[in-house]
């Protein structure tokens, strides 16, 4: 089907063609003499072969100009046509009917798409606001009316700053200006604003609206009422704070009792002459030390997830972890290519436990390395290796379990828990007698490259 605008023809009352324009000839691929005088439905031309259009031409006898939209199938594809029909009269005598046909299929699809997108915006519970380059509101959906309690008629045409409280106008105006001028690609944040004497927690996303030539022509603001979520978060924070206080007091009291127990054990030693009695006292000291270690673990484990995950430079983090206590006999190689990892602020403790575990159980460790292997689709693997005695195959699946190990049995368990907060996982893949190898899998959302790249390889 050749889609040409404005196919023009004139028909008699019995639908014989008396005139066609050049577009009609180009569309039909026929010469004018083969068309004039023929009935339009006898020419078998796609659109004019449609029963719907033929019926329209036969049975419409109103005076004046008529406009119709007709959908018909052409070559297994449905097309939408705009048909304009007008009677041609002279001295009140009917002469012919003028027909103008235009294929508006693509235009119709475009309009349907726009209507669909408009329906999404209008039916959204989120406030969706359009702002022009002058900062004036040009669109305001039902979600915005619901959140701000302001109707569209009261805000459209006014400056966007009018919806914000006086003490926040300067801040929001600066934010909008940064996006409007292209200084930032977009912004996401949360805020608490008063609406009708009530504080409302909102999240907002500000994005530039660009033309086909990639020029910024306005802004879109998507605002969500997160008051219920924020209230739940505050309640959880308050409850957790109270539990922390209770736990801290309990730990403090237990440690005081352990200190007293150690002191009395030392005093008893002077009165005990029996070798077996000394053995019992030593057992008491061992139990006291173990309890103290478990108390320390509860403090560290309690702090996991307390803070929002942050981006941390891997190389700087490793150096900060080992700089003061790594033995001079151990060489550490770092190859992280200037990457950052999104993780709990306690990631340093996880790295410390890996290094400490290597020194404690590797027996003969003189070499350690931490190497990042990025994946081309995003994310990657952070590999920690040493040249110690390694981990037996039979123990690989249980070394991360709580309570397993020759010391407290908590170090690698803690490592796994800290990493899991941002979706990182860890496994041991080394060979016994060749060294331990811990592979940390980092998902795409938790790994990014820094602006200033660190050295490719640094050694301590």
Protein backbone atom coordinates (compact mmCIF):
# COMPACT_ATOMS: atom_id res chain seq x y z
CA UNK A 1 0.00 0.00 0.00
CA UNK A 2 1.46 3.38 -1.02
CA UNK A 3 0.54 5.94 1.61
CA UNK A 4 0.00 9.33 -0.03
CA UNK A 5 -1.87 12.26 1.50
CA UNK A 6 -4.88 13.92 -0.05
CA UNK A 7 -6.11 11.62 -2.78
CA UNK A 8 -8.72 13.76 -4.50
CA UNK A 9 -11.49 12.58 -6.82
CA UNK A 10 -14.91 13.72 -8.00
CA UNK A 11 -17.75 11.25 -8.42
CA UNK A 12 -21.20 11.32 -9.94
CA UNK A 13 -24.21 10.07 -8.03
CA UNK A 14 -23.61 6.53 -9.35
CA UNK A 15 -19.95 6.75 -8.24
CA UNK A 16 -18.45 7.27 -11.68
CA UNK A 17 -15.17 9.16 -11.60
CA UNK A 18 -15.23 12.55 -13.35
CA UNK A 19 -11.95 13.96 -11.95
CA UNK A 20 -8.80 12.78 -10.12
CA UNK A 21 -5.73 14.69 -9.00
CA UNK A 22 -2.08 13.76 -9.64
CA UNK A 23 -1.69 12.17 -6.20
CA UNK A 24 -4.56 9.83 -7.05
CA UNK A 25 -2.84 8.85 -10.33
CA UNK A 26 0.47 8.24 -8.55
CA UNK A 27 -1.26 6.18 -5.90
CA UNK A 28 -3.24 4.09 -8.41
CA UNK A 29 -0.37 3.75 -10.90
CA UNK A 30 -2.91 4.35 -13.68
CA UNK A 31 -3.36 6.98 -16.36
CA UNK A 32 -6.21 9.44 -16.16
CA UNK A 33 -8.01 8.09 -19.28
CA UNK A 34 -8.25 4.63 -17.69
CA UNK A 35 -10.00 6.09 -14.66
CA UNK A 36 -12.35 8.83 -15.85
CA UNK A 37 -15.85 7.47 -16.48
CA UNK A 38 -15.26 4.27 -14.52
CA UNK A 39 -17.09 3.42 -11.34
CA UNK A 40 -14.79 3.91 -8.35
CA UNK A 41 -15.45 0.44 -6.92
CA UNK A 42 -14.62 -1.17 -10.25
CA UNK A 43 -11.05 0.13 -10.18
CA UNK A 44 -10.10 -2.22 -7.32
CA UNK A 45 -7.94 0.36 -5.58
CA UNK A 46 -7.10 -0.66 -2.01
CA UNK A 47 -8.96 1.98 -0.08
CA UNK A 48 -11.85 2.38 -2.53
CA UNK A 49 -12.36 -1.37 -2.57
CA UNK A 50 -13.30 -1.28 1.08
CA UNK A 51 -17.01 -2.09 1.61
CA UNK A 52 -17.10 0.46 4.46
CA UNK A 53 -15.92 3.31 2.25
CA UNK A 54 -18.14 2.31 -0.70
CA UNK A 55 -21.11 2.21 1.68
CA UNK A 56 -20.16 5.64 2.96
CA UNK A 57 -20.04 7.05 -0.58
CA UNK A 58 -23.35 5.49 -1.62
CA UNK A 59 -25.46 6.36 1.36
CA UNK A 60 -24.28 9.75 2.51
CA UNK A 61 -26.48 12.44 1.00
CA UNK A 62 -26.19 15.28 3.50
CA UNK A 63 -25.49 18.78 2.30
CA UNK A 64 -22.21 20.51 3.14
CA UNK A 65 -18.91 18.93 4.14
CA UNK A 66 -18.66 15.67 6.07
CA UNK A 67 -15.61 14.19 7.81
CA UNK A 68 -15.27 10.49 8.61
CA UNK A 69 -12.62 8.15 9.95
CA UNK A 70 -12.74 4.67 8.46
CA UNK A 71 -10.67 1.63 9.41
CA UNK A 72 -10.17 -0.97 6.70
CA UNK A 73 -7.87 -3.87 5.98
CA UNK A 74 -5.29 -3.42 3.23
CA UNK A 75 -2.89 -6.27 2.41
CA UNK A 76 -3.44 -7.95 5.80
CA UNK A 77 -2.82 -4.66 7.60
CA UNK A 78 -5.39 -2.37 9.12
CA UNK A 79 -5.24 1.28 8.06
CA UNK A 80 -7.13 4.31 9.31
CA UNK A 81 -8.30 6.81 6.69
CA UNK A 82 -9.64 10.31 7.00
CA UNK A 83 -12.41 10.76 4.42
CA UNK A 84 -13.72 14.21 3.60
CA UNK A 85 -16.84 14.32 1.41
CA UNK A 86 -18.44 17.43 -0.07
CA UNK A 87 -21.28 17.89 -2.57
CA UNK A 88 -20.55 20.02 -5.62
CA UNK A 89 -23.65 21.94 -6.77
CA UNK A 90 -24.34 24.63 -9.36
CA UNK A 91 -27.53 26.70 -9.20
CA UNK A 92 -28.82 24.29 -6.56
CA UNK A 93 -28.32 21.41 -8.96
CA UNK A 94 -26.23 18.46 -7.78
CA UNK A 95 -23.25 17.91 -10.09
CA UNK A 96 -20.81 15.59 -8.29
CA UNK A 97 -19.30 14.57 -4.97
CA UNK A 98 -15.73 15.55 -4.11
CA UNK A 99 -13.78 12.98 -2.13
CA UNK A 100 -10.51 13.66 -0.30
CA UNK A 101 -8.86 10.62 1.31
CA UNK A 102 -5.78 10.57 3.53
CA UNK A 103 -4.07 7.64 5.23
CA UNK A 104 -3.68 8.75 8.85
CA UNK A 105 -2.69 5.36 10.29
CA UNK A 106 0.63 6.53 11.77
CA UNK A 107 -0.90 9.73 13.06
CA UNK A 108 -3.70 7.70 14.65
CA UNK A 109 -1.19 5.36 16.31
CA UNK A 110 0.77 8.35 17.59
CA UNK A 111 -2.37 9.91 19.04
CA UNK A 112 -3.34 6.63 20.69
CA UNK A 113 0.13 6.41 22.22
CA UNK A 114 -0.12 9.95 23.54
CA UNK A 115 -3.56 9.22 24.98
CA UNK A 116 -2.24 6.06 26.62
CA UNK A 117 0.68 7.94 28.19
CA UNK A 118 -1.67 10.70 29.29
CA UNK A 119 -3.89 8.10 30.95
CA UNK A 120 -0.91 6.72 32.86
CA UNK A 121 -0.03 10.20 34.13
CA UNK A 122 -3.60 11.15 35.03
CA UNK A 123 -4.35 7.88 36.85
CA UNK A 124 -1.06 7.71 38.81
CA UNK A 125 -1.18 8.14 42.58
CA UNK A 126 2.22 9.81 42.35
CA UNK A 127 2.26 13.53 41.75
CA UNK A 128 3.55 14.17 38.22
CA UNK A 129 4.23 17.82 37.47
CA UNK A 130 5.46 19.50 34.29
CA UNK A 131 7.44 22.73 34.51
CA UNK A 132 8.59 24.99 31.66
CA UNK A 133 11.93 26.80 31.41
CA UNK A 134 10.53 29.77 33.30
CA UNK A 135 9.64 27.55 36.24
CA UNK A 136 5.90 27.81 35.57
CA UNK A 137 3.68 24.77 36.14
CA UNK A 138 2.22 23.56 32.84
CA UNK A 139 0.77 20.21 33.94
CA UNK A 140 -0.53 18.94 37.28
CA UNK A 141 -2.07 15.48 37.59
CA UNK A 142 -4.56 14.04 40.07
CA UNK A 143 -1.77 12.56 42.18
CA UNK A 144 -0.30 16.03 42.73
CA UNK A 145 -3.74 17.35 43.69
CA UNK A 146 -4.09 14.55 46.24
CA UNK A 147 -0.64 15.10 47.81
CA UNK A 148 -0.58 18.92 47.91
CA UNK A 149 -4.35 19.48 48.29
CA UNK A 150 -4.17 22.02 45.45
CA UNK A 151 -6.30 21.76 42.30
CA UNK A 152 -4.73 22.04 38.85
CA UNK A 153 -6.64 25.26 38.12
CA UNK A 154 -5.08 26.92 41.17
CA UNK A 155 -1.47 26.11 40.31
CA UNK A 156 -1.07 25.87 36.51
CA UNK A 157 0.58 29.04 35.25
CA UNK A 158 2.11 29.81 38.66
CA UNK A 159 5.78 29.35 39.54
CA UNK A 160 6.61 25.89 40.91
CA UNK A 161 8.13 27.44 44.03
CA UNK A 162 4.61 28.41 45.15
CA UNK A 163 3.91 24.83 46.24
CA UNK A 164 6.84 24.71 48.66
CA UNK A 165 6.94 26.23 52.16
CA UNK A 166 8.81 29.58 52.50
CA UNK A 167 11.79 28.06 54.36
CA UNK A 168 12.38 25.51 51.56
CA UNK A 169 11.81 27.68 48.48
CA UNK A 170 15.45 28.69 48.13
CA UNK A 171 16.69 25.12 48.41
CA UNK A 172 14.21 23.72 45.89
CA UNK A 173 14.76 26.63 43.48
CA UNK A 174 18.50 25.91 43.50
CA UNK A 175 17.86 22.21 42.90
CA UNK A 176 15.52 22.92 39.99
CA UNK A 177 18.00 25.37 38.48
CA UNK A 178 20.81 22.81 38.56
CA UNK A 179 18.72 20.33 36.59
CA UNK A 180 17.26 23.00 34.29
CA UNK A 181 20.72 24.26 33.30
CA UNK A 182 22.06 20.76 32.72
CA UNK A 183 24.54 20.87 35.61
CA UNK A 184 23.16 17.54 36.80
CA UNK A 185 21.29 14.89 34.80
CA UNK A 186 18.59 14.54 37.45
CA UNK A 187 18.06 14.39 41.19
CA UNK A 188 16.41 12.03 43.64
CA UNK A 189 15.89 12.84 47.30
CA UNK A 190 13.44 12.89 50.17
CA UNK A 191 12.03 15.80 52.14
CA UNK A 192 9.50 16.61 54.81
CA UNK A 193 7.15 19.48 53.98
CA UNK A 194 4.13 20.97 55.79
CA UNK A 195 0.83 20.58 53.96
CA UNK A 196 -2.29 21.94 55.67
CA UNK A 197 -0.64 21.99 59.12
CA UNK A 198 0.61 18.41 58.71
CA UNK A 199 4.17 17.29 58.01
CA UNK A 200 4.24 15.05 54.96
CA UNK A 201 7.23 12.91 54.00
CA UNK A 202 7.82 12.85 50.26
CA UNK A 203 10.31 11.38 47.84
CA UNK A 204 10.91 13.32 44.66
CA UNK A 205 12.62 12.79 41.32
CA UNK A 206 13.49 15.77 39.13
CA UNK A 207 14.36 15.05 35.50
CA UNK A 208 14.94 17.25 32.46
CA UNK A 209 12.49 17.10 29.56
CA UNK A 210 14.37 17.18 26.27
CA UNK A 211 13.35 17.96 22.70
CA UNK A 212 14.18 15.82 19.68
CA UNK A 213 17.35 17.90 19.31
CA UNK A 214 18.37 17.01 22.89
CA UNK A 215 17.71 20.51 24.23
CA UNK A 216 16.20 20.92 27.69
CA UNK A 217 12.71 22.37 27.29
CA UNK A 218 11.39 21.85 30.81
CA UNK A 219 11.36 19.63 33.88
CA UNK A 220 9.29 16.78 35.19
CA UNK A 221 8.79 16.28 38.91
CA UNK A 222 7.56 12.94 40.25
CA UNK A 223 6.54 13.20 43.88
CA UNK A 224 5.42 10.33 46.11
CA UNK A 225 3.86 10.52 49.55
CA UNK A 226 6.00 8.20 51.70
CA UNK A 227 4.56 9.26 55.05
CA UNK A 228 3.47 5.74 56.06
CA UNK A 229 6.83 4.26 55.09
CA UNK A 230 8.73 7.02 56.90
CA UNK A 231 6.61 6.57 60.03
CA UNK A 232 7.36 2.84 60.01
CA UNK A 233 11.06 3.55 59.57
CA UNK A 234 11.07 5.97 62.50
CA UNK A 235 9.25 3.44 64.68
CA UNK A 236 11.76 0.74 63.76
CA UNK A 237 14.66 3.08 64.42
CA UNK A 238 13.24 3.99 67.82
CA UNK A 239 12.70 0.34 68.74
CA UNK A 240 16.17 -0.62 67.57
CA UNK A 241 17.70 2.24 69.55
CA UNK A 242 16.00 1.02 72.71
CA UNK A 243 17.19 -2.53 72.09
CA UNK A 244 20.73 -1.25 71.53
CA UNK A 245 20.64 0.58 74.83
CA UNK A 246 19.38 -2.54 76.62
CA UNK A 247 21.99 -4.72 74.92
CA UNK A 248 24.79 -2.27 75.74
CA UNK A 249 23.80 -2.19 79.42
CA UNK A 250 23.58 -5.99 79.51
CA UNK A 251 26.99 -6.40 77.84
CA UNK A 252 28.52 -3.89 80.22
CA UNK A 253 27.14 -5.72 83.27
CA UNK A 254 28.31 -9.12 81.97
CA UNK A 255 31.81 -7.80 81.25
CA UNK A 256 31.96 -6.35 84.78
CA UNK A 257 31.03 -9.76 86.20
CA UNK A 258 33.67 -11.44 84.01
CA UNK A 259 36.27 -8.98 85.27
CA UNK A 260 35.31 -9.86 88.85
CA UNK A 261 35.43 -13.57 87.98
CA UNK A 262 38.95 -13.20 86.54
CA UNK A 263 40.07 -11.29 89.62
CA UNK A 264 38.74 -13.93 92.02
CA UNK A 265 40.31 -16.67 89.89
CA UNK A 266 43.69 -14.98 90.23
CA UNK A 267 43.18 -14.69 94.01
CA UNK A 268 42.20 -18.36 94.32
CA UNK A 269 45.32 -19.48 92.51
CA UNK A 270 47.45 -18.60 95.57
CA UNK A 271 45.36 -20.94 97.76
CA UNK A 272 45.20 -23.89 95.39
CA UNK A 273 48.03 -26.41 95.74
CA UNK A 274 46.54 -29.36 93.88
CA UNK A 275 47.64 -29.55 90.17
CA UNK A 276 44.12 -30.58 89.20
CA UNK A 277 42.82 -27.47 90.97
CA UNK A 278 45.10 -25.31 88.83
CA UNK A 279 43.76 -27.10 85.78
CA UNK A 280 40.21 -26.19 86.83
CA UNK A 281 41.21 -22.55 87.32
CA UNK A 282 42.73 -22.49 83.84
CA UNK A 283 39.50 -23.90 82.46
CA UNK A 284 37.58 -21.08 84.22
CA UNK A 285 39.89 -18.51 82.57
CA UNK A 286 39.30 -20.14 79.15
CA UNK A 287 35.53 -20.02 79.65
CA UNK A 288 35.76 -16.39 80.72
CA UNK A 289 37.77 -15.50 77.60
CA UNK A 290 35.29 -17.30 75.35
CA UNK A 291 32.34 -15.50 76.95
CA UNK A 292 34.15 -12.16 76.51
CA UNK A 293 34.71 -12.95 72.81
CA UNK A 294 31.05 -13.79 72.32
CA UNK A 295 30.04 -10.56 74.01
CA UNK A 296 32.33 -8.66 71.65
CA UNK A 297 30.74 -10.49 68.71
CA UNK A 298 27.22 -9.48 69.79
CA UNK A 299 28.35 -5.83 69.79
CA UNK A 300 29.80 -6.11 66.27
CA UNK A 301 26.91 -8.14 64.87
CA UNK A 302 24.38 -5.71 66.32
CA UNK A 303 25.97 -2.86 64.36
CA UNK A 304 25.64 -4.63 60.99
CA UNK A 305 23.03 -2.85 58.89
CA UNK A 306 22.68 0.04 61.34
CA UNK A 307 23.93 2.50 58.75
CA UNK A 308 23.08 3.12 55.11
CA UNK A 309 25.44 1.33 52.68
CA UNK A 310 28.08 3.67 51.24
CA UNK A 311 30.49 3.67 48.30
CA UNK A 312 34.00 2.75 49.49
CA UNK A 313 37.23 2.77 47.49
CA UNK A 314 38.52 -0.80 47.66
CA UNK A 315 42.23 -0.01 47.63
CA UNK A 316 42.03 2.69 50.29
CA UNK A 317 39.85 0.43 52.41
CA UNK A 318 42.34 -2.45 52.22
CA UNK A 319 45.27 -0.21 53.09
CA UNK A 320 43.41 1.33 56.03
CA UNK A 321 42.60 -2.18 57.26
CA UNK A 322 46.13 -3.65 57.26
CA UNK A 323 48.53 -0.71 57.40
CA UNK A 324 49.17 -0.83 61.16
CA UNK A 325 49.37 -4.53 61.92
CA UNK A 326 50.24 -6.62 58.84
CA UNK A 327 53.60 -8.35 59.60
CA UNK A 328 56.57 -7.09 57.60
CA UNK A 329 57.18 -10.66 56.44
CA UNK A 330 53.90 -10.66 54.49
CA UNK A 331 53.65 -8.93 51.09
CA UNK A 332 50.21 -7.75 50.05
CA UNK A 333 49.43 -7.06 46.37
CA UNK A 334 46.41 -4.90 45.51
CA UNK A 335 44.93 -4.81 41.99
CA UNK A 336 41.59 -3.06 42.13
CA UNK A 337 41.88 -0.58 39.22
CA UNK A 338 40.34 2.32 41.11
CA UNK A 339 36.96 0.71 41.77
CA UNK A 340 34.46 1.43 44.52
CA UNK A 341 32.10 -1.01 46.17
CA UNK A 342 28.68 -0.30 47.69
CA UNK A 343 28.60 -1.98 51.08
CA UNK A 344 27.91 -1.67 54.76
CA UNK A 345 30.32 0.70 56.56
CA UNK A 346 31.55 -2.37 58.44
CA UNK A 347 33.17 -3.76 55.29
CA UNK A 348 36.53 -2.89 56.85
CA UNK A 349 35.79 -5.38 59.62
CA UNK A 350 35.02 -8.05 57.00
CA UNK A 351 38.35 -7.46 55.26
CA UNK A 352 40.14 -7.47 58.61
CA UNK A 353 38.62 -10.84 59.45
CA UNK A 354 39.72 -12.30 56.10
CA UNK A 355 43.31 -11.14 56.61
CA UNK A 356 43.33 -12.18 60.27
CA UNK A 357 41.87 -15.58 59.33
CA UNK A 358 44.64 -16.04 56.75
CA UNK A 359 47.41 -15.20 59.22
CA UNK A 360 45.91 -17.35 61.99
CA UNK A 361 45.09 -20.49 60.00
CA UNK A 362 47.35 -20.26 56.95
CA UNK A 363 50.39 -21.21 59.11
CA UNK A 364 53.06 -20.27 56.55
CA UNK A 365 51.57 -17.22 54.80
CA UNK A 366 54.10 -14.84 53.21
CA UNK A 367 52.02 -13.62 50.23
CA UNK A 368 48.52 -12.16 50.04
CA UNK A 369 46.70 -10.57 47.14
CA UNK A 370 43.39 -8.78 46.62
CA UNK A 371 42.42 -8.62 42.94
CA UNK A 372 39.28 -7.24 41.33
CA UNK A 373 38.04 -8.87 38.12
CA UNK A 374 35.28 -6.72 36.59
CA UNK A 375 32.68 -8.33 34.34
CA UNK A 376 31.86 -6.70 31.01
CA UNK A 377 28.13 -6.71 31.82
CA UNK A 378 28.66 -5.04 35.20
CA UNK A 379 29.64 -6.28 38.62
CA UNK A 380 32.62 -8.52 39.13
CA UNK A 381 34.62 -10.65 41.56
CA UNK A 382 36.94 -9.53 44.36
CA UNK A 383 39.44 -12.32 45.00
CA UNK A 384 41.49 -12.65 48.20
CA UNK A 385 44.30 -15.22 48.06
CA UNK A 386 47.22 -16.34 50.22
CA UNK A 387 49.99 -18.93 49.89
CA UNK A 388 49.25 -20.74 53.14
CA UNK A 389 48.06 -24.28 53.77
CA UNK A 390 44.61 -23.68 52.27
CA UNK A 391 41.22 -25.07 53.25
CA UNK A 392 40.42 -28.80 53.03
CA UNK A 393 37.68 -29.61 50.49
CA UNK A 394 35.56 -31.21 53.21
CA UNK A 395 35.40 -27.93 55.15
CA UNK A 396 34.68 -25.43 52.36
CA UNK A 397 30.91 -25.59 52.83
CA UNK A 398 30.95 -25.11 56.61
CA UNK A 399 33.66 -22.52 57.33
CA UNK A 400 31.12 -19.68 57.06
CA UNK A 401 28.73 -21.25 59.56
CA UNK A 402 28.36 -19.61 62.97
CA UNK A 403 30.39 -21.39 65.62
CA UNK A 404 32.71 -23.27 63.26
CA UNK A 405 36.46 -22.78 63.67
CA UNK A 406 39.38 -23.20 66.00
CA UNK A 407 39.08 -19.75 67.57
CA UNK A 408 35.68 -18.08 68.17
CA UNK A 409 34.02 -19.52 65.06
CA UNK A 410 32.54 -16.12 64.32
CA UNK A 411 35.00 -14.37 61.99
CA UNK A 412 34.00 -15.78 58.58
CA UNK A 413 30.35 -15.91 59.62
CA UNK A 414 30.55 -12.18 60.30
CA UNK A 415 32.24 -11.62 56.91
CA UNK A 416 29.37 -13.36 55.10
CA UNK A 417 26.70 -11.41 56.99
CA UNK A 418 28.32 -8.01 56.31
CA UNK A 419 28.69 -8.74 52.60
CA UNK A 420 25.11 -10.01 52.26
CA UNK A 421 23.64 -6.63 53.23
CA UNK A 422 24.23 -5.23 49.72
CA UNK A 423 23.84 -8.52 47.85
CA UNK A 424 27.48 -9.64 47.89
CA UNK A 425 28.29 -13.31 48.38
CA UNK A 426 31.47 -15.18 49.28
CA UNK A 427 32.84 -18.68 48.72
CA UNK A 428 36.18 -20.44 49.21
CA UNK A 429 37.64 -21.85 45.95
CA UNK A 430 41.31 -22.49 46.79
CA UNK A 431 43.26 -25.76 46.80
CA UNK A 432 44.52 -27.43 49.95
CA UNK A 433 48.29 -26.98 50.46
CA UNK A 434 48.37 -24.26 47.79
CA UNK A 435 46.59 -21.51 49.70
CA UNK A 436 43.16 -20.12 50.56
CA UNK A 437 41.16 -18.30 47.87
CA UNK A 438 38.04 -16.37 48.82
CA UNK A 439 35.89 -15.10 45.91
CA UNK A 440 33.47 -12.26 46.66
CA UNK A 441 30.82 -11.90 43.94
CA UNK A 442 29.72 -8.28 43.48
CA UNK A 443 26.44 -7.54 41.63
CA UNK A 444 26.35 -4.76 39.02
CA UNK A 445 24.53 -2.29 41.29
CA UNK A 446 27.28 -2.50 43.92
CA UNK A 447 30.40 -1.85 41.80
CA UNK A 448 31.52 1.29 40.00
CA UNK A 449 34.74 2.84 38.77
CA UNK A 450 36.09 5.96 40.46
CA UNK A 451 36.82 9.12 38.54
CA UNK A 452 40.48 9.13 39.50
CA UNK A 453 41.92 5.67 38.89
CA UNK A 454 44.31 4.21 41.42
CA UNK A 455 47.50 2.58 40.33
CA UNK A 456 46.93 -0.75 38.61
CA UNK A 457 49.20 -2.57 40.99
CA UNK A 458 50.55 -1.52 44.35
CA UNK A 459 52.57 -3.60 46.81
CA UNK A 460 53.11 -3.33 50.53
